[in-house]
């Protein structure tokens, strides 16, 4: 086996071994399971500002909770960290723990008792992940017409 084919074989094995996020169409990001099965899309975006109904719920939660006071209107940070950068490395579980328990030592309040946040946690994650991935543009969003 040549060095080049060894590298290609290793790269293929790594792709099959770990879950990844893959672009399925120009507008939809879906998770690909280790088995290769495509799971439900995390978010759907058209033209950067038209999103699926769940992402709209996340965006509305963001605005209603006034998260921009700390994280900035474009999620790029102010007194709080940039969520565009943070969502590149945080797992969904870490994101959930931070929202539900807060980080009082860093000034992050606990939202675990806030019904709107608890009810829309997955939607908020999808919206912010779309921003972090660069698929959702900053600013006003519209729901994709059905």
N, C-alpha and C. Protein backbone atom coordinates (compact mmCIF):
# COMPACT_ATOMS: atom_id res chain seq x y z
N UNK A 1 0.85 -1.17 0.00
CA UNK A 1 0.00 0.00 0.00
C UNK A 1 0.90 1.23 0.00
N UNK A 2 0.56 2.19 -0.84
CA UNK A 2 1.36 3.42 -0.92
C UNK A 2 1.04 4.34 0.24
N UNK A 3 1.92 5.30 0.44
CA UNK A 3 1.71 6.30 1.51
C UNK A 3 0.42 7.08 1.25
N UNK A 4 0.18 7.44 0.00
CA UNK A 4 -1.01 8.22 -0.36
C UNK A 4 -2.29 7.43 -0.10
N UNK A 5 -2.30 6.15 -0.45
CA UNK A 5 -3.50 5.36 -0.22
C UNK A 5 -3.70 5.09 1.27
N UNK A 6 -2.61 5.01 2.06
CA UNK A 6 -2.73 4.86 3.51
C UNK A 6 -3.39 6.08 4.12
N UNK A 7 -3.00 7.25 3.66
CA UNK A 7 -3.59 8.49 4.17
C UNK A 7 -5.07 8.55 3.79
N UNK A 8 -5.39 8.21 2.57
CA UNK A 8 -6.79 8.22 2.12
C UNK A 8 -7.62 7.24 2.94
N UNK A 9 -7.10 6.06 3.20
CA UNK A 9 -7.81 5.06 3.98
C UNK A 9 -8.02 5.55 5.42
N UNK A 10 -6.99 6.17 6.01
CA UNK A 10 -7.10 6.71 7.36
C UNK A 10 -8.16 7.81 7.39
N UNK A 11 -8.14 8.72 6.43
CA UNK A 11 -9.12 9.82 6.38
C UNK A 11 -10.54 9.27 6.25
N UNK A 12 -10.75 8.27 5.42
CA UNK A 12 -12.07 7.67 5.26
C UNK A 12 -12.54 7.03 6.56
N UNK A 13 -11.63 6.35 7.26
CA UNK A 13 -11.99 5.71 8.53
C UNK A 13 -12.38 6.76 9.56
N UNK A 14 -11.66 7.87 9.60
CA UNK A 14 -11.98 8.93 10.56
C UNK A 14 -13.35 9.53 10.28
N UNK A 15 -13.69 9.70 9.02
CA UNK A 15 -15.00 10.25 8.66
C UNK A 15 -16.13 9.33 9.09
N UNK A 16 -15.91 8.03 9.00
CA UNK A 16 -16.94 7.07 9.38
C UNK A 16 -17.02 6.88 10.89
N UNK A 17 -15.95 7.18 11.61
CA UNK A 17 -15.91 6.90 13.04
C UNK A 17 -16.59 7.94 13.91
N UNK A 18 -16.71 9.16 13.44
CA UNK A 18 -17.23 10.23 14.30
C UNK A 18 -18.42 10.90 13.65
N UNK A 19 -19.40 11.32 14.49
CA UNK A 19 -20.51 12.09 13.93
C UNK A 19 -19.99 13.44 13.44
N UNK A 20 -20.52 13.89 12.34
CA UNK A 20 -20.12 15.17 11.78
C UNK A 20 -21.35 15.96 11.39
N UNK A 21 -21.17 17.24 11.13
CA UNK A 21 -22.23 18.05 10.56
C UNK A 21 -21.93 18.16 9.09
N UNK A 22 -22.89 17.86 8.26
CA UNK A 22 -22.67 17.89 6.81
C UNK A 22 -23.71 18.76 6.15
N UNK A 23 -23.30 19.47 5.14
CA UNK A 23 -24.26 20.28 4.39
C UNK A 23 -24.96 19.36 3.41
N UNK A 24 -26.28 19.24 3.56
CA UNK A 24 -27.06 18.33 2.74
C UNK A 24 -27.54 19.05 1.48
N UNK A 25 -27.99 20.26 1.63
CA UNK A 25 -28.34 21.11 0.48
C UNK A 25 -27.78 22.48 0.76
N UNK A 26 -27.99 23.42 -0.12
CA UNK A 26 -27.52 24.78 0.13
C UNK A 26 -28.21 25.39 1.34
N UNK A 27 -29.35 24.88 1.72
CA UNK A 27 -30.15 25.53 2.75
C UNK A 27 -30.30 24.72 4.03
N UNK A 28 -29.89 23.48 4.06
CA UNK A 28 -30.18 22.64 5.22
C UNK A 28 -28.90 22.03 5.77
N UNK A 29 -28.73 22.12 7.07
CA UNK A 29 -27.62 21.46 7.74
C UNK A 29 -28.23 20.32 8.55
N UNK A 30 -27.71 19.13 8.36
CA UNK A 30 -28.23 17.97 9.08
C UNK A 30 -27.07 17.25 9.75
N UNK A 31 -27.36 16.53 10.78
CA UNK A 31 -26.34 15.73 11.42
C UNK A 31 -26.28 14.38 10.72
N UNK A 32 -25.06 13.88 10.56
CA UNK A 32 -24.86 12.57 9.97
C UNK A 32 -24.38 11.67 11.09
N UNK A 33 -25.12 10.62 11.36
CA UNK A 33 -24.78 9.69 12.43
C UNK A 33 -23.59 8.84 12.00
N UNK A 34 -22.89 8.21 12.96
CA UNK A 34 -21.76 7.35 12.62
C UNK A 34 -22.13 6.24 11.64
N UNK A 35 -23.39 5.84 11.63
CA UNK A 35 -23.83 4.80 10.70
C UNK A 35 -23.99 5.32 9.29
N UNK A 36 -23.93 6.65 9.13
CA UNK A 36 -24.12 7.26 7.82
C UNK A 36 -25.54 7.74 7.59
N UNK A 37 -26.44 7.42 8.51
CA UNK A 37 -27.83 7.86 8.37
C UNK A 37 -27.93 9.36 8.65
N UNK A 38 -28.69 10.05 7.85
CA UNK A 38 -28.89 11.48 8.04
C UNK A 38 -30.03 11.68 9.03
N UNK A 39 -29.75 12.44 10.09
CA UNK A 39 -30.76 12.71 11.10
C UNK A 39 -31.54 13.96 10.73
N UNK A 40 -32.53 14.32 11.54
CA UNK A 40 -33.34 15.50 11.33
C UNK A 40 -32.44 16.74 11.25
N UNK A 41 -32.69 17.63 10.29
CA UNK A 41 -31.86 18.83 10.19
C UNK A 41 -31.90 19.67 11.46
N UNK A 42 -30.74 20.20 11.84
CA UNK A 42 -30.65 21.08 12.99
C UNK A 42 -31.32 22.41 12.68
N UNK A 43 -31.11 22.91 11.48
CA UNK A 43 -31.75 24.15 11.03
C UNK A 43 -31.76 24.16 9.51
N UNK A 44 -32.66 24.97 8.97
CA UNK A 44 -32.75 25.16 7.52
C UNK A 44 -32.71 26.65 7.25
N UNK A 45 -31.92 27.05 6.27
CA UNK A 45 -31.70 28.46 5.96
C UNK A 45 -31.78 28.67 4.46
N UNK A 46 -32.43 29.76 4.06
CA UNK A 46 -32.45 30.17 2.66
C UNK A 46 -32.00 31.63 2.62
N UNK A 47 -31.04 31.91 1.79
CA UNK A 47 -30.53 33.29 1.59
C UNK A 47 -30.03 33.92 2.88
N UNK A 48 -29.70 33.15 3.88
CA UNK A 48 -29.11 33.66 5.11
C UNK A 48 -30.06 34.28 6.11
N UNK A 49 -31.27 34.68 5.66
CA UNK A 49 -32.19 35.35 6.59
C UNK A 49 -33.58 34.73 6.63
N UNK A 50 -33.79 33.65 5.91
CA UNK A 50 -35.06 32.93 5.97
C UNK A 50 -34.74 31.57 6.59
N UNK A 51 -35.41 31.29 7.71
CA UNK A 51 -35.10 30.07 8.46
C UNK A 51 -36.36 29.28 8.77
N UNK A 52 -36.15 28.05 9.19
CA UNK A 52 -37.25 27.16 9.58
C UNK A 52 -37.94 27.70 10.83
N UNK A 53 -39.12 27.18 11.12
CA UNK A 53 -39.93 27.68 12.24
C UNK A 53 -39.24 27.50 13.59
N UNK A 54 -38.48 26.43 13.77
CA UNK A 54 -37.79 26.23 15.05
C UNK A 54 -36.67 27.25 15.25
N UNK A 55 -35.94 27.56 14.19
CA UNK A 55 -34.88 28.57 14.30
C UNK A 55 -35.48 29.95 14.57
N UNK A 56 -36.64 30.22 13.98
CA UNK A 56 -37.34 31.49 14.27
C UNK A 56 -37.68 31.55 15.76
N UNK A 57 -38.15 30.44 16.32
CA UNK A 57 -38.47 30.41 17.76
C UNK A 57 -37.21 30.68 18.59
N UNK A 58 -36.09 30.14 18.18
CA UNK A 58 -34.83 30.39 18.87
C UNK A 58 -34.42 31.85 18.79
N UNK A 59 -34.55 32.44 17.60
CA UNK A 59 -34.23 33.85 17.40
C UNK A 59 -35.14 34.73 18.24
N UNK A 60 -36.43 34.41 18.28
CA UNK A 60 -37.38 35.19 19.09
C UNK A 60 -37.07 35.06 20.58
N UNK A 61 -36.64 33.89 21.00
CA UNK A 61 -36.25 33.70 22.40
C UNK A 61 -35.02 34.55 22.70
N UNK A 62 -34.05 34.54 21.81
CA UNK A 62 -32.85 35.36 21.95
C UNK A 62 -33.23 36.83 22.17
N UNK A 63 -34.13 37.32 21.32
CA UNK A 63 -34.54 38.72 21.39
C UNK A 63 -35.36 39.01 22.65
N UNK A 64 -36.28 38.11 22.99
CA UNK A 64 -37.14 38.33 24.16
C UNK A 64 -36.34 38.33 25.46
N UNK A 65 -35.30 37.53 25.53
CA UNK A 65 -34.47 37.46 26.73
C UNK A 65 -33.39 38.54 26.74
N UNK A 66 -33.32 39.33 25.66
CA UNK A 66 -32.35 40.43 25.55
C UNK A 66 -30.91 39.95 25.74
N UNK A 67 -30.60 38.81 25.16
CA UNK A 67 -29.26 38.23 25.29
C UNK A 67 -28.18 39.13 24.69
N UNK A 68 -28.60 40.02 23.76
CA UNK A 68 -27.63 40.92 23.12
C UNK A 68 -27.00 41.90 24.11
N UNK A 69 -27.64 42.09 25.25
CA UNK A 69 -27.07 43.00 26.26
C UNK A 69 -25.66 42.57 26.65
N UNK A 70 -25.42 41.28 26.70
CA UNK A 70 -24.10 40.77 27.07
C UNK A 70 -23.34 40.18 25.89
N UNK A 71 -24.06 39.50 24.99
CA UNK A 71 -23.40 38.78 23.91
C UNK A 71 -23.37 39.54 22.59
N UNK A 72 -23.92 40.76 22.57
CA UNK A 72 -23.89 41.59 21.38
C UNK A 72 -25.02 41.29 20.42
N UNK A 73 -25.42 42.28 19.62
CA UNK A 73 -26.54 42.10 18.71
C UNK A 73 -26.28 41.06 17.61
N UNK A 74 -25.00 40.82 17.32
CA UNK A 74 -24.64 39.83 16.29
C UNK A 74 -24.02 38.57 16.90
N UNK A 75 -24.20 38.40 18.21
CA UNK A 75 -23.72 37.24 18.95
C UNK A 75 -22.19 37.15 18.95
N UNK A 76 -21.51 38.28 18.71
CA UNK A 76 -20.05 38.29 18.62
C UNK A 76 -19.38 38.78 19.90
N UNK A 77 -20.17 38.95 20.97
CA UNK A 77 -19.62 39.27 22.27
C UNK A 77 -19.61 40.75 22.60
N UNK A 78 -19.81 41.04 23.86
CA UNK A 78 -19.65 42.37 24.47
C UNK A 78 -18.97 42.11 25.81
N UNK A 79 -19.75 42.19 26.91
CA UNK A 79 -19.18 41.81 28.20
C UNK A 79 -19.19 40.29 28.35
N UNK A 80 -20.08 39.64 27.62
CA UNK A 80 -20.11 38.18 27.57
C UNK A 80 -19.35 37.72 26.33
N UNK A 81 -19.02 36.45 26.26
CA UNK A 81 -18.23 35.95 25.15
C UNK A 81 -19.00 35.91 23.82
N UNK A 82 -18.26 35.82 22.75
CA UNK A 82 -18.83 35.63 21.42
C UNK A 82 -19.45 34.24 21.35
N UNK A 83 -20.75 34.18 21.07
CA UNK A 83 -21.39 32.88 20.90
C UNK A 83 -21.13 32.31 19.52
N UNK A 84 -20.80 33.18 18.58
CA UNK A 84 -20.40 32.71 17.25
C UNK A 84 -19.16 31.83 17.40
N UNK A 85 -18.22 32.24 18.24
CA UNK A 85 -17.02 31.44 18.48
C UNK A 85 -17.29 30.28 19.44
N UNK A 86 -18.02 30.54 20.51
CA UNK A 86 -18.25 29.51 21.53
C UNK A 86 -18.98 28.29 20.97
N UNK A 87 -19.97 28.53 20.09
CA UNK A 87 -20.75 27.40 19.56
C UNK A 87 -19.95 26.56 18.56
N UNK A 88 -18.76 26.99 18.23
CA UNK A 88 -17.88 26.16 17.39
C UNK A 88 -17.23 25.05 18.22
N UNK A 89 -17.14 25.25 19.55
CA UNK A 89 -16.47 24.27 20.40
C UNK A 89 -17.36 23.66 21.48
N UNK A 90 -18.40 24.36 21.90
CA UNK A 90 -19.28 23.82 22.94
C UNK A 90 -20.16 22.70 22.38
N UNK A 91 -20.33 21.65 23.15
CA UNK A 91 -21.30 20.63 22.79
C UNK A 91 -22.69 21.16 23.15
N UNK A 92 -23.70 20.50 22.64
CA UNK A 92 -25.06 20.90 23.00
C UNK A 92 -25.27 20.72 24.51
N UNK A 93 -24.69 19.68 25.07
CA UNK A 93 -24.83 19.44 26.50
C UNK A 93 -24.18 20.57 27.32
N UNK A 94 -23.01 21.04 26.90
CA UNK A 94 -22.35 22.15 27.59
C UNK A 94 -23.16 23.43 27.46
N UNK A 95 -23.72 23.66 26.27
CA UNK A 95 -24.59 24.82 26.04
C UNK A 95 -25.78 24.76 26.99
N UNK A 96 -26.42 23.59 27.07
CA UNK A 96 -27.59 23.40 27.93
C UNK A 96 -27.24 23.65 29.39
N UNK A 97 -26.13 23.07 29.85
CA UNK A 97 -25.70 23.26 31.24
C UNK A 97 -25.47 24.73 31.55
N UNK A 98 -24.85 25.45 30.63
CA UNK A 98 -24.57 26.87 30.85
C UNK A 98 -25.86 27.66 30.95
N UNK A 99 -26.81 27.39 30.08
CA UNK A 99 -28.08 28.12 30.14
C UNK A 99 -28.89 27.76 31.38
N UNK A 100 -28.97 26.49 31.68
CA UNK A 100 -29.81 26.06 32.79
C UNK A 100 -29.22 26.43 34.16
N UNK A 101 -27.89 26.36 34.30
CA UNK A 101 -27.25 26.60 35.59
C UNK A 101 -26.58 27.96 35.68
N UNK A 102 -26.35 28.60 34.56
CA UNK A 102 -25.63 29.87 34.55
C UNK A 102 -24.15 29.66 34.83
N UNK A 103 -23.44 30.78 34.83
CA UNK A 103 -22.03 30.80 35.23
C UNK A 103 -21.85 32.06 36.08
N UNK A 104 -22.35 32.01 37.32
CA UNK A 104 -22.35 33.21 38.17
C UNK A 104 -20.98 33.86 38.30
N UNK A 105 -19.91 33.05 38.31
CA UNK A 105 -18.56 33.60 38.44
C UNK A 105 -18.17 34.44 37.23
N UNK A 106 -18.85 34.23 36.10
CA UNK A 106 -18.57 34.99 34.88
C UNK A 106 -19.69 35.98 34.55
N UNK A 107 -20.73 36.04 35.41
CA UNK A 107 -21.82 36.97 35.18
C UNK A 107 -22.97 36.41 34.36
N UNK A 108 -22.93 35.12 34.03
CA UNK A 108 -24.00 34.50 33.25
C UNK A 108 -25.12 34.05 34.18
N UNK A 109 -26.34 34.63 34.00
CA UNK A 109 -27.44 34.23 34.88
C UNK A 109 -27.94 32.81 34.60
N UNK A 110 -28.66 32.28 35.58
CA UNK A 110 -29.28 30.97 35.49
C UNK A 110 -30.65 31.15 34.80
N UNK A 111 -30.87 30.48 33.67
CA UNK A 111 -32.15 30.55 32.98
C UNK A 111 -32.98 29.27 33.16
N UNK A 112 -32.55 28.40 34.06
CA UNK A 112 -33.24 27.14 34.27
C UNK A 112 -34.68 27.28 34.74
N UNK A 113 -35.01 28.40 35.36
CA UNK A 113 -36.37 28.62 35.83
C UNK A 113 -37.18 29.52 34.92
N UNK A 114 -36.64 29.86 33.76
CA UNK A 114 -37.34 30.75 32.82
C UNK A 114 -38.04 29.89 31.76
N UNK A 115 -39.36 29.84 31.84
CA UNK A 115 -40.15 28.95 30.98
C UNK A 115 -39.83 29.13 29.49
N UNK A 116 -39.76 30.37 29.03
CA UNK A 116 -39.51 30.60 27.61
C UNK A 116 -38.18 29.98 27.17
N UNK A 117 -37.15 30.10 27.99
CA UNK A 117 -35.84 29.53 27.66
C UNK A 117 -35.91 28.01 27.72
N UNK A 118 -36.48 27.47 28.78
CA UNK A 118 -36.57 26.01 28.93
C UNK A 118 -37.35 25.41 27.76
N UNK A 119 -38.49 26.02 27.41
CA UNK A 119 -39.33 25.51 26.32
C UNK A 119 -38.68 25.64 24.95
N UNK A 120 -37.75 26.57 24.80
CA UNK A 120 -37.15 26.83 23.49
C UNK A 120 -35.65 26.56 23.46
N UNK A 121 -35.15 25.79 24.39
CA UNK A 121 -33.72 25.53 24.47
C UNK A 121 -33.17 24.94 23.17
N UNK A 122 -33.82 23.93 22.62
CA UNK A 122 -33.35 23.31 21.37
C UNK A 122 -33.40 24.31 20.22
N UNK A 123 -34.43 25.14 20.20
CA UNK A 123 -34.58 26.14 19.13
C UNK A 123 -33.50 27.22 19.24
N UNK A 124 -33.22 27.64 20.47
CA UNK A 124 -32.17 28.63 20.69
C UNK A 124 -30.82 28.07 20.27
N UNK A 125 -30.57 26.82 20.61
CA UNK A 125 -29.32 26.17 20.19
C UNK A 125 -29.23 26.13 18.67
N UNK A 126 -30.31 25.74 18.00
CA UNK A 126 -30.29 25.66 16.53
C UNK A 126 -30.00 27.02 15.92
N UNK A 127 -30.66 28.06 16.42
CA UNK A 127 -30.42 29.41 15.90
C UNK A 127 -28.96 29.82 16.09
N UNK A 128 -28.44 29.66 17.30
CA UNK A 128 -27.07 30.08 17.58
C UNK A 128 -26.05 29.22 16.84
N UNK A 129 -26.35 27.95 16.66
CA UNK A 129 -25.44 27.08 15.90
C UNK A 129 -25.43 27.53 14.44
N UNK A 130 -26.58 27.91 13.91
CA UNK A 130 -26.64 28.43 12.54
C UNK A 130 -25.85 29.71 12.39
N UNK A 131 -25.89 30.57 13.41
CA UNK A 131 -25.07 31.79 13.39
C UNK A 131 -23.59 31.43 13.46
N UNK A 132 -23.24 30.49 14.33
CA UNK A 132 -21.86 30.08 14.49
C UNK A 132 -21.31 29.43 13.22
N UNK A 133 -22.14 28.66 12.55
CA UNK A 133 -21.73 28.00 11.31
C UNK A 133 -21.64 28.98 10.14
N UNK A 134 -22.16 30.19 10.32
CA UNK A 134 -22.13 31.18 9.25
C UNK A 134 -23.28 31.05 8.27
N UNK A 135 -24.21 30.15 8.54
CA UNK A 135 -25.33 29.93 7.62
C UNK A 135 -26.43 30.97 7.82
N UNK A 136 -26.65 31.37 9.08
CA UNK A 136 -27.68 32.37 9.39
C UNK A 136 -26.99 33.72 9.55
N UNK A 137 -27.45 34.68 8.79
CA UNK A 137 -26.88 36.03 8.86
C UNK A 137 -27.36 36.74 10.12
N UNK A 138 -26.57 37.71 10.62
CA UNK A 138 -27.06 38.51 11.74
C UNK A 138 -28.22 39.41 11.28
N UNK A 139 -29.02 39.83 12.24
CA UNK A 139 -30.11 40.76 11.92
C UNK A 139 -31.46 40.09 11.94
N UNK A 140 -32.43 40.78 11.32
CA UNK A 140 -33.81 40.34 11.32
C UNK A 140 -33.99 39.08 10.47
N UNK A 141 -34.74 38.12 10.98
CA UNK A 141 -35.00 36.87 10.25
C UNK A 141 -36.46 36.76 9.87
N UNK A 142 -36.71 35.94 8.87
CA UNK A 142 -38.06 35.64 8.40
C UNK A 142 -38.20 34.12 8.34
N UNK A 143 -39.42 33.66 8.55
CA UNK A 143 -39.66 32.22 8.44
C UNK A 143 -39.77 31.84 6.96
N UNK A 144 -39.20 30.70 6.62
CA UNK A 144 -39.29 30.18 5.26
C UNK A 144 -40.75 29.96 4.93
N UNK A 145 -41.19 30.45 3.77
CA UNK A 145 -42.57 30.22 3.35
C UNK A 145 -42.77 28.74 3.09
N UNK A 146 -43.92 28.28 3.51
CA UNK A 146 -44.21 26.85 3.35
C UNK A 146 -44.94 26.60 2.07
